[in-house]
Amino acid sequence: YNAQADRVVVQINEGVRYRCGPVEVVGAQKMPAGPIVQALTATNAGTGALPLPFQFYDNAPANRGAAAETNSADAWAEGRPACFDVISLRSLSSRVTNTLGQHGFFLSRFNLNVVTNAATRTATLQVKITDEGAPATIGSITVVGNRKNSREELLNYLGLKPGMAFTSNLAAAINDRLYHSARFLTNSVLAGTP
């Protein structure tokens, strides 16, 4: 309190501003690090493009989450001020989770940390994978509600068989293929955990 000015004076020491440095993936064995780095750093911010006019689609994009991620400005971009807040780190964490799912690793565990370097005033975004888990594979396939098309015809058309790898994009691709076959009024593809 400054009695002479009759005011409360707040002094703020901001400290060092850290800029985003590289993204480092540690502990990945079967999962390639490249897609994780790309998911964390991909952004369309700064393209200077005007907003697109309305476009009509007969169905929604297969991977809505990926489309939203690439358009967000919360990516880890080198040279930009580094984010240390919980909300930004949670958003970056969801990008890692989605990328692991796109490659079939649904049960992975990882830690996301921001490691600072006082000498260069940069921050490294470190993804430490503690457990990749086994890649998901299709165990059994159940077809319900088909009347005109046999199970075998559907599985041949979709290219599905037990033992093949399962990724988050596969369910969307199956839905899309069934929709474009023009044989079904509605369809849904659901994956269950073992």
C-alpha atoms as a PDB file:
ATOM      1  CA  TYR A   1       0.000   0.000   0.000  1.00  0.00           C
ATOM      2  CA  ASN A   2       1.324   3.425  -1.004  1.00  0.00           C
ATOM      3  CA  ALA A   3      -0.030   5.745   1.678  1.00  0.00           C
ATOM      4  CA  GLN A   4       1.159   8.894  -0.092  1.00  0.00           C
ATOM      5  CA  ALA A   5      -0.773   8.028  -3.297  1.00  0.00           C
ATOM      6  CA  ASP A   6      -3.547   6.233  -1.372  1.00  0.00           C
ATOM      7  CA  ARG A   7      -3.282   3.247  -3.708  1.00  0.00           C
ATOM      8  CA  VAL A   8      -2.323  -0.390  -3.675  1.00  0.00           C
ATOM      9  CA  VAL A   9       0.764  -0.975  -5.804  1.00  0.00           C
ATOM     10  CA  VAL A  10       1.228  -4.398  -7.378  1.00  0.00           C
ATOM     11  CA  GLN A  11       4.693  -5.306  -8.598  1.00  0.00           C
ATOM     12  CA  ILE A  12       4.938  -8.216 -11.052  1.00  0.00           C
ATOM     13  CA  ASN A  13       8.116 -10.056 -11.893  1.00  0.00           C
ATOM     14  CA  GLU A  14       7.238 -11.929 -15.098  1.00  0.00           C
ATOM     15  CA  GLY A  15      10.451 -13.890 -15.207  1.00  0.00           C
ATOM     16  CA  VAL A  16      11.914 -15.344 -18.407  1.00  0.00           C
ATOM     17  CA  ARG A  17       9.710 -15.851 -21.435  1.00  0.00           C
ATOM     18  CA  TYR A  18      10.376 -19.244 -22.936  1.00  0.00           C
ATOM     19  CA  ARG A  19       9.811 -19.968 -26.611  1.00  0.00           C
ATOM     20  CA  CYS A  20       8.708 -23.304 -28.020  1.00  0.00           C
ATOM     21  CA  GLY A  21      11.604 -25.512 -28.989  1.00  0.00           C
ATOM     22  CA  PRO A  22      11.565 -29.049 -30.363  1.00  0.00           C
ATOM     23  CA  VAL A  23       9.181 -31.901 -29.559  1.00  0.00           C
ATOM     24  CA  GLU A  24      10.858 -34.985 -28.115  1.00  0.00           C
ATOM     25  CA  VAL A  25       9.254 -38.452 -27.975  1.00  0.00           C
ATOM     26  CA  VAL A  26      10.836 -40.860 -25.481  1.00  0.00           C
ATOM     27  CA  GLY A  27      10.008 -44.521 -24.918  1.00  0.00           C
ATOM     28  CA  ALA A  28       8.264 -45.307 -28.209  1.00  0.00           C
ATOM     29  CA  GLN A  29       9.143 -48.787 -29.443  1.00  0.00           C
ATOM     30  CA  LYS A  30       6.523 -49.971 -31.946  1.00  0.00           C
ATOM     31  CA  MET A  31       4.826 -46.605 -32.405  1.00  0.00           C
ATOM     32  CA  PRO A  32       6.776 -44.275 -34.737  1.00  0.00           C
ATOM     33  CA  ALA A  33       7.611 -40.898 -33.192  1.00  0.00           C
ATOM     34  CA  GLY A  34       7.055 -38.921 -36.413  1.00  0.00           C
ATOM     35  CA  PRO A  35       3.232 -38.929 -36.362  1.00  0.00           C
ATOM     36  CA  ILE A  36       3.198 -37.800 -32.723  1.00  0.00           C
ATOM     37  CA  VAL A  37       5.544 -34.892 -33.480  1.00  0.00           C
ATOM     38  CA  GLN A  38       3.474 -33.955 -36.531  1.00  0.00           C
ATOM     39  CA  ALA A  39       0.204 -34.047 -34.556  1.00  0.00           C
ATOM     40  CA  LEU A  40       1.633 -31.755 -31.887  1.00  0.00           C
ATOM     41  CA  THR A  41       3.141 -29.251 -34.303  1.00  0.00           C
ATOM     42  CA  ALA A  42       0.583 -29.260 -37.156  1.00  0.00           C
ATOM     43  CA  THR A  43      -1.355 -26.027 -37.481  1.00  0.00           C
ATOM     44  CA  ASN A  44      -3.018 -24.014 -40.212  1.00  0.00           C
ATOM     45  CA  ALA A  45      -2.557 -20.793 -38.274  1.00  0.00           C
ATOM     46  CA  GLY A  46      -0.702 -18.119 -40.212  1.00  0.00           C
ATOM     47  CA  THR A  47      -1.687 -19.326 -43.672  1.00  0.00           C
ATOM     48  CA  GLY A  48      -3.381 -16.007 -44.347  1.00  0.00           C
ATOM     49  CA  ALA A  49      -6.227 -17.733 -46.155  1.00  0.00           C
ATOM     50  CA  LEU A  50      -9.678 -16.191 -46.130  1.00  0.00           C
ATOM     51  CA  PRO A  51     -12.502 -18.188 -44.553  1.00  0.00           C
ATOM     52  CA  LEU A  52     -13.937 -20.726 -46.985  1.00  0.00           C
ATOM     53  CA  PRO A  53     -17.511 -20.290 -48.215  1.00  0.00           C
ATOM     54  CA  PHE A  54     -20.095 -22.809 -47.036  1.00  0.00           C
ATOM     55  CA  GLN A  55     -19.563 -26.247 -48.552  1.00  0.00           C
ATOM     56  CA  PHE A  56     -22.236 -28.927 -48.522  1.00  0.00           C
ATOM     57  CA  TYR A  57     -21.169 -32.464 -47.667  1.00  0.00           C
ATOM     58  CA  ASP A  58     -23.432 -35.476 -47.981  1.00  0.00           C
ATOM     59  CA  ASN A  59     -21.864 -36.864 -44.820  1.00  0.00           C
ATOM     60  CA  ALA A  60     -19.597 -35.586 -42.086  1.00  0.00           C
ATOM     61  CA  PRO A  61     -15.814 -35.960 -42.336  1.00  0.00           C
ATOM     62  CA  ALA A  62     -14.673 -39.408 -41.251  1.00  0.00           C
ATOM     63  CA  ASN A  63     -12.250 -38.079 -38.670  1.00  0.00           C
ATOM     64  CA  ARG A  64     -13.770 -34.979 -37.084  1.00  0.00           C
ATOM     65  CA  GLY A  65     -11.168 -34.846 -34.310  1.00  0.00           C
ATOM     66  CA  ALA A  66      -8.206 -34.614 -36.682  1.00  0.00           C
ATOM     67  CA  ALA A  67      -9.897 -31.874 -38.706  1.00  0.00           C
ATOM     68  CA  ALA A  68     -10.455 -29.813 -35.562  1.00  0.00           C
ATOM     69  CA  GLU A  69      -6.887 -30.346 -34.376  1.00  0.00           C
ATOM     70  CA  THR A  70      -5.213 -29.113 -37.545  1.00  0.00           C
ATOM     71  CA  ASN A  71      -7.297 -25.930 -37.511  1.00  0.00           C
ATOM     72  CA  SER A  72      -6.568 -25.035 -33.898  1.00  0.00           C
ATOM     73  CA  ALA A  73      -3.944 -22.505 -32.969  1.00  0.00           C
ATOM     74  CA  ASP A  74      -2.845 -24.381 -29.836  1.00  0.00           C
ATOM     75  CA  ALA A  75      -0.170 -26.442 -31.577  1.00  0.00           C
ATOM     76  CA  TRP A  76       3.411 -26.430 -30.334  1.00  0.00           C
ATOM     77  CA  ALA A  77       5.068 -24.132 -32.895  1.00  0.00           C
ATOM     78  CA  GLU A  78       8.797 -23.428 -32.644  1.00  0.00           C
ATOM     79  CA  GLY A  79       9.541 -19.804 -31.835  1.00  0.00           C
ATOM     80  CA  ARG A  80       6.111 -19.077 -30.386  1.00  0.00           C
ATOM     81  CA  PRO A  81       5.762 -18.397 -26.635  1.00  0.00           C
ATOM     82  CA  ALA A  82       5.625 -21.738 -24.833  1.00  0.00           C
ATOM     83  CA  CYS A  83       2.469 -22.698 -22.972  1.00  0.00           C
ATOM     84  CA  PHE A  84       2.661 -24.049 -19.438  1.00  0.00           C
ATOM     85  CA  ASP A  85      -1.025 -23.871 -18.495  1.00  0.00           C
ATOM     86  CA  VAL A  86      -3.123 -26.940 -17.750  1.00  0.00           C
ATOM     87  CA  ILE A  87      -5.691 -26.316 -20.515  1.00  0.00           C
ATOM     88  CA  SER A  88      -3.069 -26.088 -23.282  1.00  0.00           C
ATOM     89  CA  LEU A  89      -1.240 -29.170 -22.037  1.00  0.00           C
ATOM     90  CA  ARG A  90      -4.544 -31.076 -21.854  1.00  0.00           C
ATOM     91  CA  SER A  91      -5.257 -30.141 -25.483  1.00  0.00           C
ATOM     92  CA  LEU A  92      -1.781 -31.271 -26.561  1.00  0.00           C
ATOM     93  CA  SER A  93      -2.277 -34.470 -24.566  1.00  0.00           C
ATOM     94  CA  SER A  94      -5.493 -35.234 -26.462  1.00  0.00           C
ATOM     95  CA  ARG A  95      -3.572 -34.855 -29.733  1.00  0.00           C
ATOM     96  CA  VAL A  96      -1.134 -37.541 -28.549  1.00  0.00           C
ATOM     97  CA  THR A  97      -4.004 -39.826 -27.464  1.00  0.00           C
ATOM     98  CA  ASN A  98      -5.754 -39.429 -30.846  1.00  0.00           C
ATOM     99  CA  THR A  99      -2.538 -40.104 -32.765  1.00  0.00           C
ATOM    100  CA  LEU A 100      -1.827 -43.249 -30.752  1.00  0.00           C
ATOM    101  CA  GLY A 101      -5.400 -44.404 -31.461  1.00  0.00           C
ATOM    102  CA  GLN A 102      -4.957 -43.762 -35.181  1.00  0.00           C
ATOM    103  CA  HIS A 103      -2.077 -46.234 -35.078  1.00  0.00           C
ATOM    104  CA  GLY A 104      -3.954 -48.834 -33.023  1.00  0.00           C
ATOM    105  CA  PHE A 105      -2.473 -48.097 -29.580  1.00  0.00           C
ATOM    106  CA  PHE A 106      -5.589 -47.521 -27.474  1.00  0.00           C
ATOM    107  CA  LEU A 107      -4.233 -48.571 -24.088  1.00  0.00           C
ATOM    108  CA  SER A 108      -1.039 -46.495 -24.112  1.00  0.00           C
ATOM    109  CA  ARG A 109       0.085 -44.496 -21.103  1.00  0.00           C
ATOM    110  CA  PHE A 110       2.278 -41.412 -21.418  1.00  0.00           C
ATOM    111  CA  ASN A 111       3.339 -38.222 -19.634  1.00  0.00           C
ATOM    112  CA  LEU A 112       3.540 -34.825 -21.278  1.00  0.00           C
ATOM    113  CA  ASN A 113       6.105 -32.412 -19.790  1.00  0.00           C
ATOM    114  CA  VAL A 114       7.538 -29.041 -20.725  1.00  0.00           C
ATOM    115  CA  VAL A 115      11.291 -29.029 -20.070  1.00  0.00           C
ATOM    116  CA  THR A 116      12.906 -25.582 -19.986  1.00  0.00           C
ATOM    117  CA  ASN A 117      16.432 -24.611 -20.987  1.00  0.00           C
ATOM    118  CA  ALA A 118      17.433 -21.375 -19.222  1.00  0.00           C
ATOM    119  CA  ALA A 119      20.545 -20.895 -21.397  1.00  0.00           C
ATOM    120  CA  THR A 120      18.630 -20.815 -24.707  1.00  0.00           C
ATOM    121  CA  ARG A 121      15.314 -19.643 -23.223  1.00  0.00           C
ATOM    122  CA  THR A 122      13.516 -22.418 -25.067  1.00  0.00           C
ATOM    123  CA  ALA A 123      11.178 -25.130 -23.862  1.00  0.00           C
ATOM    124  CA  THR A 124      11.124 -28.687 -25.156  1.00  0.00           C
ATOM    125  CA  LEU A 125       7.795 -30.502 -25.243  1.00  0.00           C
ATOM    126  CA  GLN A 126       8.591 -34.013 -24.046  1.00  0.00           C
ATOM    127  CA  VAL A 127       6.251 -36.959 -24.607  1.00  0.00           C
ATOM    128  CA  LYS A 128       7.369 -39.825 -22.409  1.00  0.00           C
ATOM    129  CA  ILE A 129       5.582 -43.053 -23.304  1.00  0.00           C
ATOM    130  CA  THR A 130       5.593 -45.214 -20.184  1.00  0.00           C
ATOM    131  CA  ASP A 131       3.612 -48.096 -21.712  1.00  0.00           C
ATOM    132  CA  GLU A 132       2.636 -48.413 -25.370  1.00  0.00           C
ATOM    133  CA  GLY A 133       0.415 -51.393 -24.787  1.00  0.00           C
ATOM    134  CA  ALA A 134      -0.267 -53.956 -27.481  1.00  0.00           C
ATOM    135  CA  PRO A 135      -1.551 -52.711 -30.842  1.00  0.00           C
ATOM    136  CA  ALA A 136      -5.265 -53.424 -31.245  1.00  0.00           C
ATOM    137  CA  THR A 137      -6.319 -56.282 -33.496  1.00  0.00           C
ATOM    138  CA  ILE A 138      -9.758 -57.478 -34.510  1.00  0.00           C
ATOM    139  CA  GLY A 139     -10.653 -60.589 -32.538  1.00  0.00           C
ATOM    140  CA  SER A 140     -14.164 -61.388 -33.723  1.00  0.00           C
ATOM    141  CA  ILE A 141     -16.656 -59.666 -36.009  1.00  0.00           C
ATOM    142  CA  THR A 142     -20.385 -59.659 -35.347  1.00  0.00           C
ATOM    143  CA  VAL A 143     -22.804 -58.523 -38.071  1.00  0.00           C
ATOM    144  CA  VAL A 144     -26.334 -57.698 -36.910  1.00  0.00           C
ATOM    145  CA  GLY A 145     -29.419 -56.559 -38.823  1.00  0.00           C
ATOM    146  CA  ASN A 146     -28.371 -57.650 -42.310  1.00  0.00           C
ATOM    147  CA  ARG A 147     -31.239 -59.178 -44.294  1.00  0.00           C
ATOM    148  CA  LYS A 148     -30.339 -58.999 -47.995  1.00  0.00           C
ATOM    149  CA  ASN A 149     -26.565 -59.235 -47.691  1.00  0.00           C
ATOM    150  CA  SER A 150     -24.838 -62.183 -46.067  1.00  0.00           C
ATOM    151  CA  ARG A 151     -22.160 -61.760 -43.418  1.00  0.00           C
ATOM    152  CA  GLU A 152     -19.521 -63.125 -45.822  1.00  0.00           C
ATOM    153  CA  GLU A 153     -20.544 -60.676 -48.587  1.00  0.00           C
ATOM    154  CA  LEU A 154     -20.316 -57.743 -46.171  1.00  0.00           C
ATOM    155  CA  LEU A 155     -16.932 -58.770 -44.782  1.00  0.00           C
ATOM    156  CA  ASN A 156     -15.529 -59.309 -48.300  1.00  0.00           C
ATOM    157  CA  TYR A 157     -16.865 -55.926 -49.421  1.00  0.00           C
ATOM    158  CA  LEU A 158     -15.354 -54.209 -46.385  1.00  0.00           C
ATOM    159  CA  GLY A 159     -12.102 -56.188 -46.500  1.00  0.00           C
ATOM    160  CA  LEU A 160     -12.469 -57.215 -42.868  1.00  0.00           C
ATOM    161  CA  LYS A 161     -11.232 -60.364 -41.184  1.00  0.00           C
ATOM    162  CA  PRO A 162     -10.267 -61.395 -37.664  1.00  0.00           C
ATOM    163  CA  GLY A 163      -6.624 -60.806 -36.792  1.00  0.00           C
ATOM    164  CA  MET A 164      -6.176 -57.605 -38.785  1.00  0.00           C
ATOM    165  CA  ALA A 165      -4.994 -54.380 -37.128  1.00  0.00           C
ATOM    166  CA  PHE A 166      -7.651 -52.065 -35.734  1.00  0.00           C
ATOM    167  CA  THR A 167      -7.154 -48.286 -35.689  1.00  0.00           C
ATOM    168  CA  SER A 168      -9.482 -45.408 -34.843  1.00  0.00           C
ATOM    169  CA  ASN A 169      -9.638 -44.529 -38.543  1.00  0.00           C
ATOM    170  CA  LEU A 170     -10.808 -48.031 -39.507  1.00  0.00           C
ATOM    171  CA  ALA A 171     -14.248 -47.697 -37.878  1.00  0.00           C
ATOM    172  CA  ALA A 172     -14.821 -44.370 -39.681  1.00  0.00           C
ATOM    173  CA  ALA A 173     -13.649 -45.890 -42.989  1.00  0.00           C
ATOM    174  CA  ILE A 174     -16.054 -48.840 -42.569  1.00  0.00           C
ATOM    175  CA  ASN A 175     -18.955 -46.465 -41.828  1.00  0.00           C
ATOM    176  CA  ASP A 176     -18.050 -44.407 -44.882  1.00  0.00           C
ATOM    177  CA  ARG A 177     -17.824 -47.475 -47.140  1.00  0.00           C
ATOM    178  CA  LEU A 178     -21.208 -48.791 -45.937  1.00  0.00           C
ATOM    179  CA  TYR A 179     -22.774 -45.358 -46.464  1.00  0.00           C
ATOM    180  CA  HIS A 180     -21.462 -45.083 -50.020  1.00  0.00           C
ATOM    181  CA  SER A 181     -22.614 -48.600 -50.929  1.00  0.00           C
ATOM    182  CA  ALA A 182     -26.175 -47.158 -50.998  1.00  0.00           C
ATOM    183  CA  ARG A 183     -27.518 -50.463 -49.654  1.00  0.00           C
ATOM    184  CA  PHE A 184     -28.228 -49.478 -46.056  1.00  0.00           C
ATOM    185  CA  LEU A 185     -30.531 -46.842 -44.654  1.00  0.00           C
ATOM    186  CA  THR A 186     -28.462 -46.642 -41.480  1.00  0.00           C
ATOM    187  CA  ASN A 187     -25.341 -48.313 -40.187  1.00  0.00           C
ATOM    188  CA  SER A 188     -23.039 -48.138 -37.214  1.00  0.00           C
ATOM    189  CA  VAL A 189     -19.657 -49.644 -36.448  1.00  0.00           C
ATOM    190  CA  LEU A 190     -18.832 -50.183 -32.803  1.00  0.00           C
ATOM    191  CA  ALA A 191     -15.573 -51.498 -31.348  1.00  0.00           C
ATOM    192  CA  GLY A 192     -15.621 -53.254 -28.014  1.00  0.00           C
ATOM    193  CA  THR A 193     -12.703 -53.792 -25.671  1.00  0.00           C
ATOM    194  CA  PRO A 194     -11.741 -57.401 -24.884  1.00  0.00           C
END
